[in-house]
Amino acid sequence: MVSTDVEARELARLKKLMKNPSYWRDRNPAIVKAVTKGFEDLYDYPKQSESEASKLKDLPEARQGQMANI
């Protein structure tokens, strides 16, 4: 839960980044990484392990495309 003014501003910044077409349309890796890290930091979400990340890489290309559109 966002509880301070700093956290509220950070959430607003992340939402603004997510509205950028480079994030949602082009999937710019730098912007996607910044949004992901911002939410992880904001909500103390555990980072994805190497093995979990490699499982995603092993998915067929068609399946990866479906996941990107979720």
C-alpha atoms as a PDB file:
ATOM      1  CA  MET A   1       0.000   0.000   0.000  1.00  0.00           C
ATOM      2  CA  VAL A   2       1.285   3.454  -0.912  1.00  0.00           C
ATOM      3  CA  SER A   3       1.371   5.517   2.246  1.00  0.00           C
ATOM      4  CA  THR A   4       3.660   8.530   1.931  1.00  0.00           C
ATOM      5  CA  ASP A   5       3.880  11.509  -0.389  1.00  0.00           C
ATOM      6  CA  VAL A   6       7.189  10.182  -1.749  1.00  0.00           C
ATOM      7  CA  GLU A   7       5.597   6.823  -2.529  1.00  0.00           C
ATOM      8  CA  ALA A   8       2.582   8.519  -4.113  1.00  0.00           C
ATOM      9  CA  ARG A   9       4.868  10.601  -6.347  1.00  0.00           C
ATOM     10  CA  GLU A  10       6.844   7.504  -7.312  1.00  0.00           C
ATOM     11  CA  LEU A  11       3.634   5.667  -8.196  1.00  0.00           C
ATOM     12  CA  ALA A  12       2.510   8.642 -10.311  1.00  0.00           C
ATOM     13  CA  ARG A  13       5.904   8.628 -12.068  1.00  0.00           C
ATOM     14  CA  LEU A  14       5.598   4.905 -12.811  1.00  0.00           C
ATOM     15  CA  LYS A  15       2.066   5.319 -14.146  1.00  0.00           C
ATOM     16  CA  LYS A  16       3.277   8.130 -16.413  1.00  0.00           C
ATOM     17  CA  LEU A  17       6.069   5.908 -17.726  1.00  0.00           C
ATOM     18  CA  MET A  18       3.557   3.132 -18.387  1.00  0.00           C
ATOM     19  CA  LYS A  19       1.460   5.495 -20.540  1.00  0.00           C
ATOM     20  CA  ASN A  20       4.479   6.155 -22.752  1.00  0.00           C
ATOM     21  CA  PRO A  21       4.104   4.262 -26.074  1.00  0.00           C
ATOM     22  CA  SER A  22       7.732   3.201 -25.758  1.00  0.00           C
ATOM     23  CA  TYR A  23       6.640   1.127 -22.758  1.00  0.00           C
ATOM     24  CA  TRP A  24       3.344  -0.406 -23.856  1.00  0.00           C
ATOM     25  CA  ARG A  25       3.768  -0.509 -27.642  1.00  0.00           C
ATOM     26  CA  ASP A  26       7.497  -0.761 -28.300  1.00  0.00           C
ATOM     27  CA  ARG A  27       8.459  -2.523 -25.049  1.00  0.00           C
ATOM     28  CA  ASN A  28      11.634  -0.429 -24.790  1.00  0.00           C
ATOM     29  CA  PRO A  29      13.866  -2.555 -22.522  1.00  0.00           C
ATOM     30  CA  ALA A  30      15.181   0.428 -20.550  1.00  0.00           C
ATOM     31  CA  ILE A  31      11.690   1.739 -19.781  1.00  0.00           C
ATOM     32  CA  VAL A  32      10.313  -1.730 -18.993  1.00  0.00           C
ATOM     33  CA  LYS A  33      13.238  -2.301 -16.630  1.00  0.00           C
ATOM     34  CA  ALA A  34      12.709   1.083 -14.942  1.00  0.00           C
ATOM     35  CA  VAL A  35       8.987   0.395 -14.414  1.00  0.00           C
ATOM     36  CA  THR A  36       9.621  -3.131 -13.141  1.00  0.00           C
ATOM     37  CA  LYS A  37      12.340  -1.989 -10.739  1.00  0.00           C
ATOM     38  CA  GLY A  38      10.212   0.934  -9.590  1.00  0.00           C
ATOM     39  CA  PHE A  39       7.320  -1.347  -8.626  1.00  0.00           C
ATOM     40  CA  GLU A  40       9.676  -3.870  -7.012  1.00  0.00           C
ATOM     41  CA  ASP A  41      11.219  -1.112  -4.909  1.00  0.00           C
ATOM     42  CA  LEU A  42       7.894   0.529  -4.104  1.00  0.00           C
ATOM     43  CA  TYR A  43       6.227  -2.659  -2.908  1.00  0.00           C
ATOM     44  CA  ASP A  44       9.302  -4.627  -1.714  1.00  0.00           C
ATOM     45  CA  TYR A  45       8.499  -7.349  -4.235  1.00  0.00           C
ATOM     46  CA  PRO A  46      11.083 -10.160  -4.379  1.00  0.00           C
ATOM     47  CA  LYS A  47      13.194 -10.142  -7.503  1.00  0.00           C
ATOM     48  CA  GLN A  48      12.815 -12.956 -10.030  1.00  0.00           C
ATOM     49  CA  SER A  49      15.458 -15.632  -9.661  1.00  0.00           C
ATOM     50  CA  GLU A  50      17.762 -16.626 -12.519  1.00  0.00           C
ATOM     51  CA  SER A  51      15.991 -19.987 -12.875  1.00  0.00           C
ATOM     52  CA  GLU A  52      12.560 -18.338 -13.108  1.00  0.00           C
ATOM     53  CA  ALA A  53      13.842 -15.938 -15.761  1.00  0.00           C
ATOM     54  CA  SER A  54      15.354 -18.790 -17.774  1.00  0.00           C
ATOM     55  CA  LYS A  55      12.021 -20.633 -17.750  1.00  0.00           C
ATOM     56  CA  LEU A  56      10.454 -17.673 -19.568  1.00  0.00           C
ATOM     57  CA  LYS A  57      13.220 -17.748 -22.176  1.00  0.00           C
ATOM     58  CA  ASP A  58      12.471 -21.437 -22.845  1.00  0.00           C
ATOM     59  CA  LEU A  59       8.853 -20.762 -23.819  1.00  0.00           C
ATOM     60  CA  PRO A  60       8.001 -20.988 -27.520  1.00  0.00           C
ATOM     61  CA  GLU A  61       8.028 -17.628 -29.306  1.00  0.00           C
ATOM     62  CA  ALA A  62       4.258 -17.660 -29.871  1.00  0.00           C
ATOM     63  CA  ARG A  63       3.629 -18.136 -26.171  1.00  0.00           C
ATOM     64  CA  GLN A  64       6.026 -15.311 -25.259  1.00  0.00           C
ATOM     65  CA  GLY A  65       4.084 -13.007 -27.592  1.00  0.00           C
ATOM     66  CA  GLN A  66       0.817 -13.918 -25.862  1.00  0.00           C
ATOM     67  CA  MET A  67       2.334 -13.224 -22.452  1.00  0.00           C
ATOM     68  CA  ALA A  68       3.614  -9.822 -23.587  1.00  0.00           C
ATOM     69  CA  ASN A  69       0.064  -8.805 -24.514  1.00  0.00           C
ATOM     70  CA  ILE A  70      -1.392  -9.615 -21.103  1.00  0.00           C
END
